[in-house]
Amino acid sequence: MQQSMKEKNIISENLKVLVFSSDINTRIKANRTKKELMALDGVYRADVDLDDPDKVLRIECHPQYEAALIEEKMTKLGFRSDRLI
């Protein structure tokens, strides 16, 4: 049975990984963003790879957490986020 795209990013029954490109470009902005995202219920971990050209934002969250909530929060924080996975 083929999994849908939504199911492919669930890596266990308790964890899903969401990956976004972003325009976060400094360590200060990355730390502030991570703090804000970690405050969201259902988000377990947030990391930004400032060395990657896409400034990849990786979120570990509850399997039912919706990517749209991260995109909405990023917009409120003044950043772009385009879902990769």
PDB file of N, CA and C in Angstrom:
ATOM      1  N   MET A   1       0.844  -1.177   0.000  1.00  0.00           N
ATOM      2  CA  MET A   1       0.000   0.000   0.000  1.00  0.00           C
ATOM      3  C   MET A   1       0.890   1.241   0.000  1.00  0.00           C
ATOM      4  N   GLN A   2       0.612   2.157  -0.874  1.00  0.00           N
ATOM      5  CA  GLN A   2       1.393   3.382  -1.004  1.00  0.00           C
ATOM      6  C   GLN A   2       0.923   4.416   0.025  1.00  0.00           C
ATOM      7  N   GLN A   3       1.920   5.011   0.724  1.00  0.00           N
ATOM      8  CA  GLN A   3       1.577   6.022   1.712  1.00  0.00           C
ATOM      9  C   GLN A   3       1.360   7.359   1.024  1.00  0.00           C
ATOM     10  N   SER A   4       0.479   8.155   1.604  1.00  0.00           N
ATOM     11  CA  SER A   4       0.292   9.502   1.085  1.00  0.00           C
ATOM     12  C   SER A   4       1.466  10.364   1.511  1.00  0.00           C
ATOM     13  N   MET A   5       1.654  11.519   0.867  1.00  0.00           N
ATOM     14  CA  MET A   5       2.745  12.425   1.205  1.00  0.00           C
ATOM     15  C   MET A   5       2.659  12.849   2.666  1.00  0.00           C
ATOM     16  N   LYS A   6       1.465  13.040   3.168  1.00  0.00           N
ATOM     17  CA  LYS A   6       1.264  13.468   4.546  1.00  0.00           C
ATOM     18  C   LYS A   6       1.790  12.422   5.531  1.00  0.00           C
ATOM     19  N   GLU A   7       1.644  11.135   5.206  1.00  0.00           N
ATOM     20  CA  GLU A   7       2.073  10.066   6.094  1.00  0.00           C
ATOM     21  C   GLU A   7       3.571   9.814   6.032  1.00  0.00           C
ATOM     22  N   LYS A   8       4.248  10.171   4.963  1.00  0.00           N
ATOM     23  CA  LYS A   8       5.663   9.864   4.804  1.00  0.00           C
ATOM     24  C   LYS A   8       6.552  10.569   5.809  1.00  0.00           C
ATOM     25  N   ASN A   9       6.145  11.689   6.345  1.00  0.00           N
ATOM     26  CA  ASN A   9       6.991  12.409   7.278  1.00  0.00           C
ATOM     27  C   ASN A   9       6.744  11.986   8.725  1.00  0.00           C
ATOM     28  N   ILE A  10       5.881  11.009   8.956  1.00  0.00           N
ATOM     29  CA  ILE A  10       5.684  10.458  10.294  1.00  0.00           C
ATOM     30  C   ILE A  10       6.724   9.360  10.463  1.00  0.00           C
ATOM     31  N   ILE A  11       7.661   9.577  11.413  1.00  0.00           N
ATOM     32  CA  ILE A  11       8.749   8.622  11.562  1.00  0.00           C
ATOM     33  C   ILE A  11       8.522   7.629  12.696  1.00  0.00           C
ATOM     34  N   SER A  12       7.541   7.864  13.516  1.00  0.00           N
ATOM     35  CA  SER A  12       7.103   6.906  14.523  1.00  0.00           C
ATOM     36  C   SER A  12       5.668   7.267  14.900  1.00  0.00           C
ATOM     37  N   GLU A  13       5.053   6.443  15.713  1.00  0.00           N
ATOM     38  CA  GLU A  13       3.672   6.750  16.082  1.00  0.00           C
ATOM     39  C   GLU A  13       3.573   7.989  16.958  1.00  0.00           C
ATOM     40  N   ASN A  14       4.718   8.462  17.483  1.00  0.00           N
ATOM     41  CA  ASN A  14       4.713   9.632  18.356  1.00  0.00           C
ATOM     42  C   ASN A  14       5.462  10.836  17.797  1.00  0.00           C
ATOM     43  N   LEU A  15       5.948  10.742  16.559  1.00  0.00           N
ATOM     44  CA  LEU A  15       6.799  11.813  16.047  1.00  0.00           C
ATOM     45  C   LEU A  15       6.641  12.011  14.537  1.00  0.00           C
ATOM     46  N   LYS A  16       6.536  13.264  14.151  1.00  0.00           N
ATOM     47  CA  LYS A  16       6.498  13.651  12.741  1.00  0.00           C
ATOM     48  C   LYS A  16       7.564  14.720  12.552  1.00  0.00           C
ATOM     49  N   VAL A  17       8.186  14.724  11.375  1.00  0.00           N
ATOM     50  CA  VAL A  17       9.185  15.735  11.051  1.00  0.00           C
ATOM     51  C   VAL A  17       8.662  16.583   9.899  1.00  0.00           C
ATOM     52  N   LEU A  18       8.694  17.899  10.098  1.00  0.00           N
ATOM     53  CA  LEU A  18       8.322  18.854   9.052  1.00  0.00           C
ATOM     54  C   LEU A  18       9.581  19.633   8.689  1.00  0.00           C
ATOM     55  N   VAL A  19       9.804  19.831   7.402  1.00  0.00           N
ATOM     56  CA  VAL A  19      10.999  20.529   6.944  1.00  0.00           C
ATOM     57  C   VAL A  19      10.586  21.661   6.008  1.00  0.00           C
ATOM     58  N   PHE A  20      11.145  22.845   6.257  1.00  0.00           N
ATOM     59  CA  PHE A  20      10.817  24.044   5.497  1.00  0.00           C
ATOM     60  C   PHE A  20      12.097  24.753   5.066  1.00  0.00           C
ATOM     61  N   SER A  21      12.055  25.423   3.935  1.00  0.00           N
ATOM     62  CA  SER A  21      13.091  26.406   3.633  1.00  0.00           C
ATOM     63  C   SER A  21      12.607  27.706   4.273  1.00  0.00           C
ATOM     64  N   SER A  22      13.555  28.574   4.630  1.00  0.00           N
ATOM     65  CA  SER A  22      13.161  29.815   5.299  1.00  0.00           C
ATOM     66  C   SER A  22      14.090  30.951   4.886  1.00  0.00           C
ATOM     67  N   ASP A  23      13.809  32.129   5.413  1.00  0.00           N
ATOM     68  CA  ASP A  23      14.692  33.273   5.177  1.00  0.00           C
ATOM     69  C   ASP A  23      15.313  33.759   6.492  1.00  0.00           C
ATOM     70  N   ILE A  24      15.413  32.864   7.453  1.00  0.00           N
ATOM     71  CA  ILE A  24      16.095  33.178   8.715  1.00  0.00           C
ATOM     72  C   ILE A  24      17.588  33.237   8.403  1.00  0.00           C
ATOM     73  N   ASN A  25      18.232  34.363   8.726  1.00  0.00           N
ATOM     74  CA  ASN A  25      19.618  34.511   8.262  1.00  0.00           C
ATOM     75  C   ASN A  25      20.644  34.868   9.333  1.00  0.00           C
ATOM     76  N   THR A  26      20.244  34.916  10.592  1.00  0.00           N
ATOM     77  CA  THR A  26      21.213  35.185  11.658  1.00  0.00           C
ATOM     78  C   THR A  26      20.960  34.245  12.830  1.00  0.00           C
ATOM     79  N   ARG A  27      21.984  34.048  13.647  1.00  0.00           N
ATOM     80  CA  ARG A  27      21.867  33.186  14.827  1.00  0.00           C
ATOM     81  C   ARG A  27      20.830  33.761  15.805  1.00  0.00           C
ATOM     82  N   ILE A  28      20.800  35.071  15.959  1.00  0.00           N
ATOM     83  CA  ILE A  28      19.832  35.702  16.868  1.00  0.00           C
ATOM     84  C   ILE A  28      18.402  35.422  16.401  1.00  0.00           C
ATOM     85  N   LYS A  29      18.154  35.597  15.113  1.00  0.00           N
ATOM     86  CA  LYS A  29      16.813  35.326  14.567  1.00  0.00           C
ATOM     87  C   LYS A  29      16.462  33.847  14.693  1.00  0.00           C
ATOM     88  N   ALA A  30      17.440  32.985  14.462  1.00  0.00           N
ATOM     89  CA  ALA A  30      17.208  31.541  14.568  1.00  0.00           C
ATOM     90  C   ALA A  30      16.851  31.163  16.001  1.00  0.00           C
ATOM     91  N   ASN A  31      17.581  31.691  16.966  1.00  0.00           N
ATOM     92  CA  ASN A  31      17.303  31.366  18.365  1.00  0.00           C
ATOM     93  C   ASN A  31      15.945  31.897  18.809  1.00  0.00           C
ATOM     94  N   ARG A  32      15.602  33.098  18.387  1.00  0.00           N
ATOM     95  CA  ARG A  32      14.291  33.666  18.736  1.00  0.00           C
ATOM     96  C   ARG A  32      13.164  32.838  18.115  1.00  0.00           C
ATOM     97  N   THR A  33      13.348  32.451  16.864  1.00  0.00           N
ATOM     98  CA  THR A  33      12.341  31.653  16.160  1.00  0.00           C
ATOM     99  C   THR A  33      12.184  30.287  16.812  1.00  0.00           C
ATOM    100  N   LYS A  34      13.299  29.637  17.129  1.00  0.00           N
ATOM    101  CA  LYS A  34      13.239  28.331  17.788  1.00  0.00           C
ATOM    102  C   LYS A  34      12.491  28.429  19.114  1.00  0.00           C
ATOM    103  N   LYS A  35      12.760  29.462  19.885  1.00  0.00           N
ATOM    104  CA  LYS A  35      12.087  29.651  21.164  1.00  0.00           C
ATOM    105  C   LYS A  35      10.577  29.798  20.968  1.00  0.00           C
ATOM    106  N   GLU A  36      10.179  30.597  19.986  1.00  0.00           N
ATOM    107  CA  GLU A  36       8.746  30.805  19.701  1.00  0.00           C
ATOM    108  C   GLU A  36       8.077  29.509  19.234  1.00  0.00           C
ATOM    109  N   LEU A  37       8.755  28.757  18.380  1.00  0.00           N
ATOM    110  CA  LEU A  37       8.175  27.522  17.863  1.00  0.00           C
ATOM    111  C   LEU A  37       8.083  26.452  18.949  1.00  0.00           C
ATOM    112  N   MET A  38       9.084  26.389  19.819  1.00  0.00           N
ATOM    113  CA  MET A  38       9.081  25.406  20.901  1.00  0.00           C
ATOM    114  C   MET A  38       7.962  25.680  21.910  1.00  0.00           C
ATOM    115  N   ALA A  39       7.472  26.892  21.950  1.00  0.00           N
ATOM    116  CA  ALA A  39       6.374  27.245  22.849  1.00  0.00           C
ATOM    117  C   ALA A  39       5.023  26.735  22.340  1.00  0.00           C
ATOM    118  N   LEU A  40       4.962  26.307  21.090  1.00  0.00           N
ATOM    119  CA  LEU A  40       3.717  25.790  20.523  1.00  0.00           C
ATOM    120  C   LEU A  40       3.443  24.388  21.057  1.00  0.00           C
ATOM    121  N   ASP A  41       2.210  24.147  21.461  1.00  0.00           N
ATOM    122  CA  ASP A  41       1.813  22.833  21.959  1.00  0.00           C
ATOM    123  C   ASP A  41       1.925  21.816  20.823  1.00  0.00           C
ATOM    124  N   GLY A  42       2.656  20.744  21.046  1.00  0.00           N
ATOM    125  CA  GLY A  42       2.818  19.702  20.035  1.00  0.00           C
ATOM    126  C   GLY A  42       4.134  19.775  19.296  1.00  0.00           C
ATOM    127  N   VAL A  43       4.904  20.853  19.471  1.00  0.00           N
ATOM    128  CA  VAL A  43       6.230  20.960  18.858  1.00  0.00           C
ATOM    129  C   VAL A  43       7.248  20.524  19.902  1.00  0.00           C
ATOM    130  N   TYR A  44       8.070  19.522  19.537  1.00  0.00           N
ATOM    131  CA  TYR A  44       9.042  18.972  20.475  1.00  0.00           C
ATOM    132  C   TYR A  44      10.449  19.525  20.271  1.00  0.00           C
ATOM    133  N   ARG A  45      10.772  19.858  19.017  1.00  0.00           N
ATOM    134  CA  ARG A  45      12.119  20.344  18.708  1.00  0.00           C
ATOM    135  C   ARG A  45      12.059  21.183  17.445  1.00  0.00           C
ATOM    136  N   ALA A  46      12.885  22.223  17.418  1.00  0.00           N
ATOM    137  CA  ALA A  46      12.986  23.087  16.238  1.00  0.00           C
ATOM    138  C   ALA A  46      14.459  23.432  16.027  1.00  0.00           C
ATOM    139  N   ASP A  47      14.932  23.321  14.796  1.00  0.00           N
ATOM    140  CA  ASP A  47      16.314  23.647  14.458  1.00  0.00           C
ATOM    141  C   ASP A  47      16.357  24.399  13.138  1.00  0.00           C
ATOM    142  N   VAL A  48      17.307  25.317  13.025  1.00  0.00           N
ATOM    143  CA  VAL A  48      17.524  26.055  11.790  1.00  0.00           C
ATOM    144  C   VAL A  48      18.969  25.824  11.360  1.00  0.00           C
ATOM    145  N   ASP A  49      19.161  25.413  10.107  1.00  0.00           N
ATOM    146  CA  ASP A  49      20.506  25.219   9.565  1.00  0.00           C
ATOM    147  C   ASP A  49      20.894  26.471   8.790  1.00  0.00           C
ATOM    148  N   LEU A  50      21.625  27.355   9.441  1.00  0.00           N
ATOM    149  CA  LEU A  50      22.023  28.616   8.812  1.00  0.00           C
ATOM    150  C   LEU A  50      23.094  28.418   7.742  1.00  0.00           C
ATOM    151  N   ASP A  51      23.770  27.259   7.755  1.00  0.00           N
ATOM    152  CA  ASP A  51      24.804  26.986   6.756  1.00  0.00           C
ATOM    153  C   ASP A  51      24.216  26.502   5.433  1.00  0.00           C
ATOM    154  N   ASP A  52      23.008  26.010   5.467  1.00  0.00           N
ATOM    155  CA  ASP A  52      22.342  25.540   4.255  1.00  0.00           C
ATOM    156  C   ASP A  52      21.834  26.739   3.464  1.00  0.00           C
ATOM    157  N   PRO A  53      21.981  26.740   2.143  1.00  0.00           N
ATOM    158  CA  PRO A  53      21.487  27.870   1.337  1.00  0.00           C
ATOM    159  C   PRO A  53      19.986  28.121   1.496  1.00  0.00           C
ATOM    160  N   ASP A  54      19.218  27.074   1.814  1.00  0.00           N
ATOM    161  CA  ASP A  54      17.775  27.208   1.998  1.00  0.00           C
ATOM    162  C   ASP A  54      17.395  27.562   3.432  1.00  0.00           C
ATOM    163  N   LYS A  55      18.402  27.725   4.314  1.00  0.00           N
ATOM    164  CA  LYS A  55      18.139  28.047   5.732  1.00  0.00           C
ATOM    165  C   LYS A  55      17.062  27.113   6.281  1.00  0.00           C
ATOM    166  N   VAL A  56      17.336  25.819   6.166  1.00  0.00           N
ATOM    167  CA  VAL A  56      16.351  24.785   6.469  1.00  0.00           C
ATOM    168  C   VAL A  56      15.910  24.821   7.930  1.00  0.00           C
ATOM    169  N   LEU A  57      14.602  24.853   8.100  1.00  0.00           N
ATOM    170  CA  LEU A  57      13.951  24.785   9.397  1.00  0.00           C
ATOM    171  C   LEU A  57      13.377  23.386   9.537  1.00  0.00           C
ATOM    172  N   ARG A  58      13.798  22.676  10.580  1.00  0.00           N
ATOM    173  CA  ARG A  58      13.354  21.300  10.813  1.00  0.00           C
ATOM    174  C   ARG A  58      12.590  21.264  12.126  1.00  0.00           C
ATOM    175  N   ILE A  59      11.373  20.753  12.066  1.00  0.00           N
ATOM    176  CA  ILE A  59      10.486  20.686  13.221  1.00  0.00           C
ATOM    177  C   ILE A  59      10.160  19.229  13.524  1.00  0.00           C
ATOM    178  N   GLU A  60      10.348  18.817  14.775  1.00  0.00           N
ATOM    179  CA  GLU A  60       9.867  17.520  15.241  1.00  0.00           C
ATOM    180  C   GLU A  60       8.623  17.808  16.071  1.00  0.00           C
ATOM    181  N   CYS A  61       7.536  17.118  15.747  1.00  0.00           N
ATOM    182  CA  CYS A  61       6.266  17.432  16.391  1.00  0.00           C
ATOM    183  C   CYS A  61       5.379  16.200  16.515  1.00  0.00           C
ATOM    184  N   HIS A  62       4.247  16.404  17.154  1.00  0.00           N
ATOM    185  CA  HIS A  62       3.229  15.367  17.290  1.00  0.00           C
ATOM    186  C   HIS A  62       2.757  14.966  15.889  1.00  0.00           C
ATOM    187  N   PRO A  63       2.460  13.686  15.661  1.00  0.00           N
ATOM    188  CA  PRO A  63       2.055  13.226  14.321  1.00  0.00           C
ATOM    189  C   PRO A  63       0.833  13.930  13.733  1.00  0.00           C
ATOM    190  N   GLN A  64      -0.038  14.477  14.566  1.00  0.00           N
ATOM    191  CA  GLN A  64      -1.223  15.145  14.043  1.00  0.00           C
ATOM    192  C   GLN A  64      -1.034  16.647  13.878  1.00  0.00           C
ATOM    193  N   TYR A  65       0.171  17.134  14.157  1.00  0.00           N
ATOM    194  CA  TYR A  65       0.435  18.568  14.036  1.00  0.00           C
ATOM    195  C   TYR A  65       0.432  18.972  12.561  1.00  0.00           C
ATOM    196  N   GLU A  66      -0.198  20.070  12.244  1.00  0.00           N
ATOM    197  CA  GLU A  66      -0.339  20.514  10.862  1.00  0.00           C
ATOM    198  C   GLU A  66       0.757  21.506  10.472  1.00  0.00           C
ATOM    199  N   ALA A  67       1.338  21.310   9.308  1.00  0.00           N
ATOM    200  CA  ALA A  67       2.391  22.192   8.796  1.00  0.00           C
ATOM    201  C   ALA A  67       1.890  23.630   8.659  1.00  0.00           C
ATOM    202  N   ALA A  68       0.626  23.792   8.373  1.00  0.00           N
ATOM    203  CA  ALA A  68       0.057  25.130   8.206  1.00  0.00           C
ATOM    204  C   ALA A  68       0.198  25.974   9.477  1.00  0.00           C
ATOM    205  N   LEU A  69       0.202  25.329  10.633  1.00  0.00           N
ATOM    206  CA  LEU A  69       0.364  26.062  11.889  1.00  0.00           C
ATOM    207  C   LEU A  69       1.773  26.643  12.014  1.00  0.00           C
ATOM    208  N   ILE A  70       2.758  25.901  11.537  1.00  0.00           N
ATOM    209  CA  ILE A  70       4.140  26.407  11.532  1.00  0.00           C
ATOM    210  C   ILE A  70       4.247  27.559  10.540  1.00  0.00           C
ATOM    211  N   GLU A  71       3.687  27.389   9.355  1.00  0.00           N
ATOM    212  CA  GLU A  71       3.736  28.445   8.341  1.00  0.00           C
ATOM    213  C   GLU A  71       3.058  29.716   8.850  1.00  0.00           C
ATOM    214  N   GLU A  72       1.941  29.566   9.530  1.00  0.00           N
ATOM    215  CA  GLU A  72       1.220  30.716  10.090  1.00  0.00           C
ATOM    216  C   GLU A  72       2.066  31.427  11.154  1.00  0.00           C
ATOM    217  N   LYS A  73       2.676  30.649  12.037  1.00  0.00           N
ATOM    218  CA  LYS A  73       3.512  31.232  13.083  1.00  0.00           C
ATOM    219  C   LYS A  73       4.729  31.931  12.481  1.00  0.00           C
ATOM    220  N   MET A  74       5.334  31.335  11.478  1.00  0.00           N
ATOM    221  CA  MET A  74       6.498  31.939  10.824  1.00  0.00           C
ATOM    222  C   MET A  74       6.113  33.266  10.174  1.00  0.00           C
ATOM    223  N   THR A  75       4.952  33.323   9.562  1.00  0.00           N
ATOM    224  CA  THR A  75       4.475  34.564   8.963  1.00  0.00           C
ATOM    225  C   THR A  75       4.293  35.634  10.033  1.00  0.00           C
ATOM    226  N   LYS A  76       3.707  35.251  11.157  1.00  0.00           N
ATOM    227  CA  LYS A  76       3.521  36.199  12.269  1.00  0.00           C
ATOM    228  C   LYS A  76       4.857  36.705  12.799  1.00  0.00           C
ATOM    229  N   LEU A  77       5.880  35.853  12.749  1.00  0.00           N
ATOM    230  CA  LEU A  77       7.216  36.243  13.208  1.00  0.00           C
ATOM    231  C   LEU A  77       7.969  37.060  12.165  1.00  0.00           C
ATOM    232  N   GLY A  78       7.399  37.161  10.952  1.00  0.00           N
ATOM    233  CA  GLY A  78       8.010  37.960   9.894  1.00  0.00           C
ATOM    234  C   GLY A  78       8.954  37.201   8.986  1.00  0.00           C
ATOM    235  N   PHE A  79       8.802  35.868   8.958  1.00  0.00           N
ATOM    236  CA  PHE A  79       9.678  35.043   8.123  1.00  0.00           C
ATOM    237  C   PHE A  79       8.887  34.266   7.084  1.00  0.00           C
ATOM    238  N   ARG A  80       9.582  33.916   6.024  1.00  0.00           N
ATOM    239  CA  ARG A  80       9.036  33.053   4.977  1.00  0.00           C
ATOM    240  C   ARG A  80       9.325  31.608   5.363  1.00  0.00           C
ATOM    241  N   SER A  81       8.398  30.712   5.070  1.00  0.00           N
ATOM    242  CA  SER A  81       8.628  29.275   5.258  1.00  0.00           C
ATOM    243  C   SER A  81       7.918  28.522   4.150  1.00  0.00           C
ATOM    244  N   ASP A  82       8.677  27.771   3.391  1.00  0.00           N
ATOM    245  CA  ASP A  82       8.123  26.964   2.305  1.00  0.00           C
ATOM    246  C   ASP A  82       8.367  25.503   2.629  1.00  0.00           C
ATOM    247  N   ARG A  83       7.312  24.741   2.720  1.00  0.00           N
ATOM    248  CA  ARG A  83       7.428  23.336   3.128  1.00  0.00           C
ATOM    249  C   ARG A  83       8.186  22.526   2.099  1.00  0.00           C
ATOM    250  N   LEU A  84       9.167  21.786   2.564  1.00  0.00           N
ATOM    251  CA  LEU A  84       9.947  20.876   1.716  1.00  0.00           C
ATOM    252  C   LEU A  84       9.485  19.441   1.929  1.00  0.00           C
ATOM    253  N   ILE A  85       9.237  19.072   3.174  1.00  0.00           N
ATOM    254  CA  ILE A  85       8.787  17.707   3.514  1.00  0.00           C
ATOM    255  C   ILE A  85       7.694  17.830   4.554  1.00  0.00           C
TER     256      ILE A  85
END
